[in-house]
């Protein structure tokens, strides 16, 4: 069986995994949409696959892995050949990993805290404080752009995940 990706198209982490698949030329993928508003991610059959009940989740043979950054780096490590998306050189990889941690700990966390209440919990608008946090996160992100890409001279998984 080929790769299976459990995803929700409105999820930026899911879209980043799909972009990595595309960048690697991997097309033999079964896409399964997880209906978050209908709470499919909380159903027993999904929790058996991913006890953290998040999207995306990737199944590749017997391996099941979740978290978009873990999935992206796994895909490049397993299927990428001579790729700058996630190079083997430790110093370059460390910079990419740092950018990925910035994405999950600051950038995406800030966006999620603003958008999720509107999408899933009936809030009508964002707060000015949340907008200030988003602006601050993007100002900090700009400080990485001393090179053409977030982590150096070439497109990496960090650029894809921070989109």
N, C-alpha and C. Protein backbone atom coordinates (compact mmCIF):
# COMPACT_ATOMS: atom_id res chain seq x y z
N UNK A 1 0.85 -1.18 0.00
CA UNK A 1 0.00 0.00 0.00
C UNK A 1 0.89 1.24 0.00
N UNK A 2 0.47 2.26 -0.72
CA UNK A 2 1.22 3.51 -0.81
C UNK A 2 1.00 4.39 0.41
N UNK A 3 1.39 5.62 0.26
CA UNK A 3 1.27 6.60 1.33
C UNK A 3 -0.20 7.02 1.49
N UNK A 4 -0.64 7.14 2.73
CA UNK A 4 -1.97 7.66 3.05
C UNK A 4 -1.77 8.93 3.86
N UNK A 5 -2.45 9.99 3.47
CA UNK A 5 -2.38 11.25 4.20
C UNK A 5 -3.77 11.63 4.67
N UNK A 6 -3.95 11.69 5.98
CA UNK A 6 -5.18 12.18 6.59
C UNK A 6 -5.01 13.68 6.74
N UNK A 7 -5.96 14.45 6.19
CA UNK A 7 -5.74 15.90 6.11
C UNK A 7 -7.06 16.66 6.13
N UNK A 8 -6.92 17.95 6.28
CA UNK A 8 -8.01 18.92 6.13
C UNK A 8 -7.43 20.07 5.32
N UNK A 9 -8.03 20.37 4.18
CA UNK A 9 -7.45 21.36 3.28
C UNK A 9 -7.35 22.75 3.87
N UNK A 10 -8.18 23.09 4.85
CA UNK A 10 -8.09 24.42 5.46
C UNK A 10 -6.94 24.51 6.46
N UNK A 11 -6.28 23.41 6.73
CA UNK A 11 -5.19 23.37 7.70
C UNK A 11 -3.86 23.72 7.03
N UNK A 12 -3.21 24.81 7.44
CA UNK A 12 -1.89 25.13 6.87
C UNK A 12 -0.87 23.99 7.03
N UNK A 13 -0.80 23.30 8.17
CA UNK A 13 0.14 22.19 8.26
C UNK A 13 -0.14 21.08 7.23
N UNK A 14 -1.41 20.81 6.98
CA UNK A 14 -1.75 19.80 5.96
C UNK A 14 -1.32 20.26 4.58
N UNK A 15 -1.53 21.53 4.30
CA UNK A 15 -1.12 22.05 2.99
C UNK A 15 0.40 22.00 2.83
N UNK A 16 1.13 22.25 3.90
CA UNK A 16 2.59 22.19 3.79
C UNK A 16 3.07 20.77 3.48
N UNK A 17 2.44 19.77 4.07
CA UNK A 17 2.81 18.39 3.76
C UNK A 17 2.51 18.08 2.29
N UNK A 18 1.38 18.55 1.81
CA UNK A 18 1.04 18.32 0.40
C UNK A 18 2.04 19.03 -0.52
N UNK A 19 2.52 20.21 -0.12
CA UNK A 19 3.52 20.91 -0.93
C UNK A 19 4.85 20.15 -0.94
N UNK A 20 5.23 19.56 0.19
CA UNK A 20 6.45 18.76 0.23
C UNK A 20 6.30 17.53 -0.67
N UNK A 21 5.16 16.87 -0.59
CA UNK A 21 4.91 15.73 -1.49
C UNK A 21 5.07 16.16 -2.94
N UNK A 22 4.50 17.30 -3.29
CA UNK A 22 4.59 17.82 -4.66
C UNK A 22 6.04 18.13 -5.02
N UNK A 23 6.77 18.79 -4.13
CA UNK A 23 8.17 19.14 -4.40
C UNK A 23 9.02 17.91 -4.63
N UNK A 24 8.68 16.81 -3.98
CA UNK A 24 9.42 15.56 -4.14
C UNK A 24 8.93 14.74 -5.32
N UNK A 25 7.83 15.16 -5.94
CA UNK A 25 7.28 14.42 -7.07
C UNK A 25 6.55 13.16 -6.65
N UNK A 26 6.11 13.09 -5.42
CA UNK A 26 5.38 11.92 -4.92
C UNK A 26 3.90 12.10 -5.24
N UNK A 27 3.40 11.25 -6.11
CA UNK A 27 2.00 11.38 -6.54
C UNK A 27 1.13 10.20 -6.10
N UNK A 28 1.75 9.08 -5.73
CA UNK A 28 0.98 7.91 -5.32
C UNK A 28 0.61 8.06 -3.85
N UNK A 29 -0.38 8.91 -3.60
CA UNK A 29 -0.81 9.22 -2.24
C UNK A 29 -2.33 9.12 -2.18
N UNK A 30 -2.82 8.40 -1.20
CA UNK A 30 -4.26 8.38 -0.93
C UNK A 30 -4.55 9.50 0.06
N UNK A 31 -5.42 10.43 -0.35
CA UNK A 31 -5.78 11.56 0.51
C UNK A 31 -7.12 11.27 1.17
N UNK A 32 -7.14 11.36 2.48
CA UNK A 32 -8.37 11.14 3.24
C UNK A 32 -8.69 12.42 4.00
N UNK A 33 -9.82 13.02 3.67
CA UNK A 33 -10.23 14.26 4.34
C UNK A 33 -10.81 13.94 5.70
N UNK A 34 -10.35 14.64 6.72
CA UNK A 34 -10.86 14.49 8.08
C UNK A 34 -11.73 15.70 8.37
N UNK A 35 -13.00 15.46 8.61
CA UNK A 35 -13.96 16.54 8.83
C UNK A 35 -13.88 17.00 10.29
N UNK A 36 -13.10 18.05 10.51
CA UNK A 36 -12.90 18.55 11.87
C UNK A 36 -14.17 19.12 12.49
N UNK A 37 -14.96 19.93 11.76
CA UNK A 37 -16.20 20.44 12.37
C UNK A 37 -17.15 19.33 12.81
N UNK A 38 -17.10 18.19 12.11
CA UNK A 38 -17.94 17.05 12.49
C UNK A 38 -17.25 16.15 13.52
N UNK A 39 -16.06 16.58 13.96
CA UNK A 39 -15.29 15.90 15.01
C UNK A 39 -14.84 14.48 14.64
N UNK A 40 -14.59 14.26 13.34
CA UNK A 40 -14.10 12.94 12.92
C UNK A 40 -12.75 12.61 13.56
N UNK A 41 -11.97 13.63 13.87
CA UNK A 41 -10.65 13.40 14.49
C UNK A 41 -10.76 12.92 15.93
N UNK A 42 -11.96 12.99 16.50
CA UNK A 42 -12.17 12.54 17.88
C UNK A 42 -12.82 11.16 17.94
N UNK A 43 -13.11 10.58 16.79
CA UNK A 43 -13.73 9.26 16.75
C UNK A 43 -12.69 8.18 17.02
N UNK A 44 -13.18 7.09 17.59
CA UNK A 44 -12.29 6.00 18.03
C UNK A 44 -11.37 5.51 16.91
N UNK A 45 -11.89 5.36 15.69
CA UNK A 45 -11.05 4.82 14.62
C UNK A 45 -9.90 5.76 14.25
N UNK A 46 -10.12 7.08 14.38
CA UNK A 46 -9.03 8.02 14.09
C UNK A 46 -8.04 8.08 15.26
N UNK A 47 -8.54 8.04 16.47
CA UNK A 47 -7.66 8.08 17.64
C UNK A 47 -6.76 6.85 17.70
N UNK A 48 -7.22 5.71 17.14
CA UNK A 48 -6.36 4.53 17.06
C UNK A 48 -5.16 4.80 16.14
N UNK A 49 -5.37 5.62 15.12
CA UNK A 49 -4.30 5.97 14.19
C UNK A 49 -3.43 7.07 14.80
N UNK A 50 -4.07 8.08 15.39
CA UNK A 50 -3.36 9.23 15.93
C UNK A 50 -3.97 9.61 17.28
N UNK A 51 -3.39 9.13 18.38
CA UNK A 51 -3.93 9.43 19.70
C UNK A 51 -3.94 10.91 20.05
N UNK A 52 -3.15 11.71 19.35
CA UNK A 52 -3.15 13.15 19.57
C UNK A 52 -4.31 13.81 18.83
N UNK A 53 -4.97 13.05 17.98
CA UNK A 53 -6.14 13.44 17.19
C UNK A 53 -5.98 14.77 16.45
N UNK A 54 -4.84 14.90 15.76
CA UNK A 54 -4.55 16.10 14.98
C UNK A 54 -4.42 15.73 13.50
N UNK A 55 -4.44 16.73 12.66
CA UNK A 55 -4.09 16.57 11.26
C UNK A 55 -2.90 17.49 10.98
N UNK A 56 -2.05 17.07 10.08
CA UNK A 56 -2.07 15.88 9.25
C UNK A 56 -1.52 14.65 9.99
N UNK A 57 -1.90 13.50 9.46
CA UNK A 57 -1.33 12.22 9.88
C UNK A 57 -0.94 11.48 8.61
N UNK A 58 0.23 10.88 8.62
CA UNK A 58 0.72 10.16 7.45
C UNK A 58 0.93 8.70 7.81
N UNK A 59 0.48 7.82 6.92
CA UNK A 59 0.74 6.39 7.06
C UNK A 59 1.56 5.98 5.85
N UNK A 60 2.74 5.43 6.11
CA UNK A 60 3.63 4.95 5.05
C UNK A 60 4.05 3.54 5.43
N UNK A 61 3.37 2.56 4.85
CA UNK A 61 3.58 1.17 5.26
C UNK A 61 3.12 1.00 6.69
N UNK A 62 4.00 0.51 7.55
CA UNK A 62 3.66 0.31 8.96
C UNK A 62 3.88 1.55 9.81
N UNK A 63 4.53 2.57 9.24
CA UNK A 63 4.82 3.79 9.99
C UNK A 63 3.63 4.72 9.98
N UNK A 64 3.26 5.19 11.16
CA UNK A 64 2.24 6.24 11.29
C UNK A 64 2.91 7.39 12.02
N UNK A 65 2.82 8.57 11.43
CA UNK A 65 3.48 9.75 12.00
C UNK A 65 2.57 10.95 11.85
N UNK A 66 2.53 11.80 12.87
CA UNK A 66 1.77 13.04 12.78
C UNK A 66 2.69 14.19 13.14
N UNK A 67 2.24 15.38 12.94
CA UNK A 67 2.97 16.64 13.04
C UNK A 67 3.58 16.93 11.67
N UNK A 68 3.16 18.05 11.10
CA UNK A 68 3.56 18.38 9.73
C UNK A 68 5.07 18.48 9.57
N UNK A 69 5.77 18.99 10.56
CA UNK A 69 7.22 19.12 10.44
C UNK A 69 7.89 17.76 10.47
N UNK A 70 7.44 16.89 11.35
CA UNK A 70 7.98 15.53 11.40
C UNK A 70 7.70 14.80 10.09
N UNK A 71 6.50 14.98 9.56
CA UNK A 71 6.14 14.34 8.29
C UNK A 71 7.01 14.89 7.16
N UNK A 72 7.14 16.20 7.08
CA UNK A 72 7.91 16.82 5.99
C UNK A 72 9.36 16.35 6.01
N UNK A 73 9.99 16.37 7.18
CA UNK A 73 11.40 15.96 7.24
C UNK A 73 11.55 14.46 6.98
N UNK A 74 10.59 13.66 7.43
CA UNK A 74 10.62 12.23 7.13
C UNK A 74 10.53 11.99 5.63
N UNK A 75 9.59 12.65 4.98
CA UNK A 75 9.42 12.45 3.53
C UNK A 75 10.68 12.80 2.76
N UNK A 76 11.29 13.94 3.10
CA UNK A 76 12.50 14.35 2.38
C UNK A 76 13.64 13.37 2.68
N UNK A 77 13.77 12.96 3.94
CA UNK A 77 14.84 12.03 4.31
C UNK A 77 14.66 10.69 3.61
N UNK A 78 13.44 10.20 3.53
CA UNK A 78 13.20 8.88 2.93
C UNK A 78 13.17 8.94 1.40
N UNK A 79 12.50 9.94 0.83
CA UNK A 79 12.24 9.93 -0.61
C UNK A 79 13.04 10.95 -1.40
N UNK A 80 13.65 11.91 -0.74
CA UNK A 80 14.41 12.93 -1.46
C UNK A 80 15.80 12.43 -1.80
N UNK A 81 16.27 12.79 -2.97
CA UNK A 81 17.63 12.44 -3.36
C UNK A 81 18.36 13.72 -3.76
N UNK A 82 19.49 13.93 -3.11
CA UNK A 82 20.29 15.13 -3.39
C UNK A 82 19.44 16.40 -3.36
N UNK A 83 18.66 16.54 -2.33
CA UNK A 83 17.75 17.68 -2.26
C UNK A 83 18.21 18.68 -1.21
N UNK A 84 18.01 19.94 -1.52
CA UNK A 84 18.31 20.99 -0.55
C UNK A 84 17.14 21.25 0.38
N UNK A 85 16.02 20.54 0.18
CA UNK A 85 14.86 20.76 1.03
C UNK A 85 15.17 20.48 2.51
N UNK A 86 15.98 19.49 2.77
CA UNK A 86 16.38 19.15 4.14
C UNK A 86 17.74 18.45 4.06
N UNK A 87 18.80 19.22 3.87
CA UNK A 87 20.12 18.63 3.61
C UNK A 87 20.66 17.86 4.81
N UNK A 88 21.58 16.95 4.53
CA UNK A 88 22.16 16.10 5.57
C UNK A 88 23.18 16.84 6.44
N UNK A 89 23.76 17.90 5.94
CA UNK A 89 24.81 18.62 6.65
C UNK A 89 24.26 19.18 7.97
N UNK A 90 24.85 18.83 9.13
CA UNK A 90 24.26 19.16 10.42
C UNK A 90 24.00 20.64 10.67
N UNK A 91 24.89 21.52 10.30
CA UNK A 91 24.68 22.95 10.57
C UNK A 91 23.51 23.50 9.76
N UNK A 92 23.42 23.11 8.50
CA UNK A 92 22.30 23.58 7.67
C UNK A 92 20.98 23.01 8.19
N UNK A 93 21.02 21.74 8.56
CA UNK A 93 19.81 21.10 9.08
C UNK A 93 19.38 21.75 10.39
N UNK A 94 20.33 22.13 11.23
CA UNK A 94 20.01 22.78 12.51
C UNK A 94 19.29 24.11 12.29
N UNK A 95 19.72 24.88 11.30
CA UNK A 95 19.04 26.16 11.00
C UNK A 95 17.63 25.89 10.51
N UNK A 96 17.47 24.90 9.65
CA UNK A 96 16.13 24.54 9.17
C UNK A 96 15.26 24.10 10.34
N UNK A 97 15.79 23.24 11.21
CA UNK A 97 15.03 22.79 12.38
C UNK A 97 14.63 23.96 13.27
N UNK A 98 15.54 24.92 13.45
CA UNK A 98 15.21 26.09 14.26
C UNK A 98 14.04 26.85 13.66
N UNK A 99 14.05 27.02 12.34
CA UNK A 99 12.94 27.72 11.67
C UNK A 99 11.64 26.94 11.81
N UNK A 100 11.72 25.61 11.74
CA UNK A 100 10.52 24.79 11.92
C UNK A 100 9.97 24.94 13.34
N UNK A 101 10.86 24.99 14.32
CA UNK A 101 10.40 25.19 15.70
C UNK A 101 9.80 26.58 15.89
N UNK A 102 10.36 27.57 15.23
CA UNK A 102 9.78 28.91 15.26
C UNK A 102 8.37 28.87 14.67
N UNK A 103 8.21 28.14 13.58
CA UNK A 103 6.88 28.03 12.97
C UNK A 103 5.89 27.42 13.94
N UNK A 104 6.22 26.27 14.52
CA UNK A 104 5.25 25.60 15.40
C UNK A 104 5.06 26.32 16.72
N UNK A 105 6.12 26.89 17.27
CA UNK A 105 6.02 27.50 18.59
C UNK A 105 5.55 28.94 18.60
N UNK A 106 5.76 29.65 17.50
CA UNK A 106 5.42 31.08 17.46
C UNK A 106 4.44 31.39 16.33
N UNK A 107 4.88 31.18 15.10
CA UNK A 107 4.11 31.64 13.95
C UNK A 107 2.74 30.95 13.85
N UNK A 108 2.74 29.62 13.73
CA UNK A 108 1.47 28.91 13.60
C UNK A 108 0.65 29.01 14.88
N UNK A 109 1.31 28.95 16.03
CA UNK A 109 0.58 29.06 17.30
C UNK A 109 -0.17 30.38 17.40
N UNK A 110 0.45 31.45 16.93
CA UNK A 110 -0.18 32.77 16.96
C UNK A 110 -1.36 32.83 15.99
N UNK A 111 -1.15 32.32 14.79
CA UNK A 111 -2.24 32.32 13.81
C UNK A 111 -3.40 31.44 14.28
N UNK A 112 -3.07 30.27 14.81
CA UNK A 112 -4.10 29.35 15.28
C UNK A 112 -4.92 29.98 16.39
N UNK A 113 -4.26 30.64 17.33
CA UNK A 113 -4.97 31.28 18.43
C UNK A 113 -5.92 32.38 17.98
N UNK A 114 -5.68 32.93 16.82
CA UNK A 114 -6.54 33.97 16.28
C UNK A 114 -7.66 33.40 15.43
N UNK A 115 -7.34 32.44 14.58
CA UNK A 115 -8.29 31.95 13.58
C UNK A 115 -9.18 30.84 14.11
N UNK A 116 -8.65 29.95 14.92
CA UNK A 116 -9.41 28.80 15.39
C UNK A 116 -10.72 29.17 16.10
N UNK A 117 -10.72 30.17 16.99
CA UNK A 117 -11.99 30.53 17.63
C UNK A 117 -13.07 30.99 16.64
N UNK A 118 -12.64 31.60 15.54
CA UNK A 118 -13.60 32.05 14.53
C UNK A 118 -14.10 30.87 13.71
N UNK A 119 -13.18 29.99 13.29
CA UNK A 119 -13.55 28.86 12.44
C UNK A 119 -14.37 27.81 13.16
N UNK A 120 -14.02 27.53 14.42
CA UNK A 120 -14.60 26.37 15.08
C UNK A 120 -15.44 26.67 16.32
N UNK A 121 -15.35 27.88 16.88
CA UNK A 121 -16.03 28.12 18.14
C UNK A 121 -16.99 29.29 18.12
N UNK A 122 -17.35 29.77 16.94
CA UNK A 122 -18.40 30.76 16.81
C UNK A 122 -18.03 32.20 17.09
N UNK A 123 -16.75 32.48 17.33
CA UNK A 123 -16.35 33.88 17.52
C UNK A 123 -16.61 34.64 16.22
N UNK A 124 -16.97 35.89 16.34
CA UNK A 124 -17.30 36.69 15.16
C UNK A 124 -16.11 37.48 14.62
N UNK A 125 -15.11 37.73 15.45
CA UNK A 125 -14.00 38.57 15.01
C UNK A 125 -12.77 38.25 15.86
N UNK A 126 -11.63 38.69 15.40
CA UNK A 126 -10.39 38.54 16.15
C UNK A 126 -10.22 39.74 17.08
N UNK A 127 -9.35 39.59 18.06
CA UNK A 127 -9.10 40.70 18.97
C UNK A 127 -7.92 41.53 18.45
N UNK A 128 -7.89 42.81 18.75
CA UNK A 128 -6.72 43.62 18.36
C UNK A 128 -5.42 43.08 18.94
N UNK A 129 -5.48 42.49 20.13
CA UNK A 129 -4.27 41.92 20.74
C UNK A 129 -3.74 40.76 19.90
N UNK A 130 -4.65 39.93 19.39
CA UNK A 130 -4.22 38.82 18.55
C UNK A 130 -3.59 39.32 17.26
N UNK A 131 -4.16 40.36 16.68
CA UNK A 131 -3.60 40.94 15.47
C UNK A 131 -2.20 41.50 15.74
N UNK A 132 -2.00 42.11 16.89
CA UNK A 132 -0.68 42.61 17.27
C UNK A 132 0.33 41.46 17.41
N UNK A 133 -0.11 40.33 17.96
CA UNK A 133 0.76 39.17 18.10
C UNK A 133 1.17 38.63 16.73
N UNK A 134 0.22 38.60 15.80
CA UNK A 134 0.53 38.14 14.44
C UNK A 134 1.54 39.06 13.78
N UNK A 135 1.31 40.36 13.89
CA UNK A 135 2.26 41.32 13.31
C UNK A 135 3.65 41.14 13.90
N UNK A 136 3.72 40.98 15.19
CA UNK A 136 5.00 40.80 15.87
C UNK A 136 5.71 39.54 15.38
N UNK A 137 4.96 38.46 15.22
CA UNK A 137 5.55 37.20 14.75
C UNK A 137 6.12 37.36 13.34
N UNK A 138 5.39 38.07 12.48
CA UNK A 138 5.88 38.26 11.11
C UNK A 138 7.05 39.24 11.05
N UNK A 139 7.07 40.22 11.92
CA UNK A 139 8.24 41.11 11.99
C UNK A 139 9.47 40.30 12.38
N UNK A 140 9.31 39.41 13.35
CA UNK A 140 10.43 38.56 13.75
C UNK A 140 10.84 37.63 12.61
N UNK A 141 9.86 37.07 11.91
CA UNK A 141 10.14 36.20 10.76
C UNK A 141 10.99 36.93 9.72
N UNK A 142 10.71 38.19 9.52
CA UNK A 142 11.48 39.00 8.57
C UNK A 142 12.97 39.02 8.93
N UNK A 143 13.29 38.91 10.21
CA UNK A 143 14.71 38.95 10.61
C UNK A 143 15.49 37.75 10.07
N UNK A 144 14.80 36.68 9.69
CA UNK A 144 15.46 35.52 9.10
C UNK A 144 15.86 35.76 7.65
N UNK A 145 15.27 36.75 7.03
CA UNK A 145 15.44 36.94 5.59
C UNK A 145 16.67 37.76 5.24
N UNK A 146 17.79 37.35 5.78
CA UNK A 146 19.07 37.94 5.38
C UNK A 146 19.65 37.18 4.19
N UNK A 147 19.00 36.08 3.84
CA UNK A 147 19.34 35.26 2.68
C UNK A 147 18.09 35.15 1.82
N UNK A 148 18.21 34.63 0.61
CA UNK A 148 17.02 34.55 -0.26
C UNK A 148 15.87 33.72 0.32
N UNK A 149 16.20 32.73 1.15
CA UNK A 149 15.18 31.86 1.74
C UNK A 149 15.33 31.90 3.26
N UNK A 150 14.35 31.37 3.97
CA UNK A 150 14.35 31.46 5.44
C UNK A 150 15.56 30.81 6.09
N UNK A 151 16.10 29.77 5.47
CA UNK A 151 17.20 29.04 6.10
C UNK A 151 18.43 28.96 5.21
N UNK A 152 18.58 29.91 4.32
CA UNK A 152 19.79 29.90 3.50
C UNK A 152 19.56 30.28 2.06
N UNK A 153 20.37 29.71 1.21
CA UNK A 153 20.39 30.07 -0.21
C UNK A 153 19.40 29.28 -1.05
N UNK A 154 18.75 28.26 -0.46
CA UNK A 154 17.86 27.40 -1.23
C UNK A 154 16.54 27.19 -0.50
N UNK A 155 15.51 26.89 -1.26
CA UNK A 155 14.21 26.52 -0.70
C UNK A 155 14.38 25.29 0.19
N UNK A 156 13.78 25.32 1.37
CA UNK A 156 13.83 24.18 2.29
C UNK A 156 12.43 23.90 2.82
N UNK A 157 12.32 22.83 3.59
CA UNK A 157 11.04 22.53 4.22
C UNK A 157 10.60 23.65 5.15
N UNK A 158 11.54 24.41 5.68
CA UNK A 158 11.17 25.54 6.54
C UNK A 158 10.37 26.58 5.77
N UNK A 159 10.79 26.88 4.55
CA UNK A 159 10.04 27.83 3.72
C UNK A 159 8.64 27.31 3.42
N UNK A 160 8.56 26.03 3.09
CA UNK A 160 7.26 25.44 2.76
C UNK A 160 6.34 25.46 3.98
N UNK A 161 6.86 25.10 5.14
CA UNK A 161 6.02 25.03 6.34
C UNK A 161 5.62 26.40 6.87
N UNK A 162 6.42 27.41 6.62
CA UNK A 162 6.10 28.76 7.11
C UNK A 162 5.20 29.54 6.16
N UNK A 163 4.79 28.94 5.06
CA UNK A 163 3.91 29.64 4.10
C UNK A 163 2.57 29.89 4.75
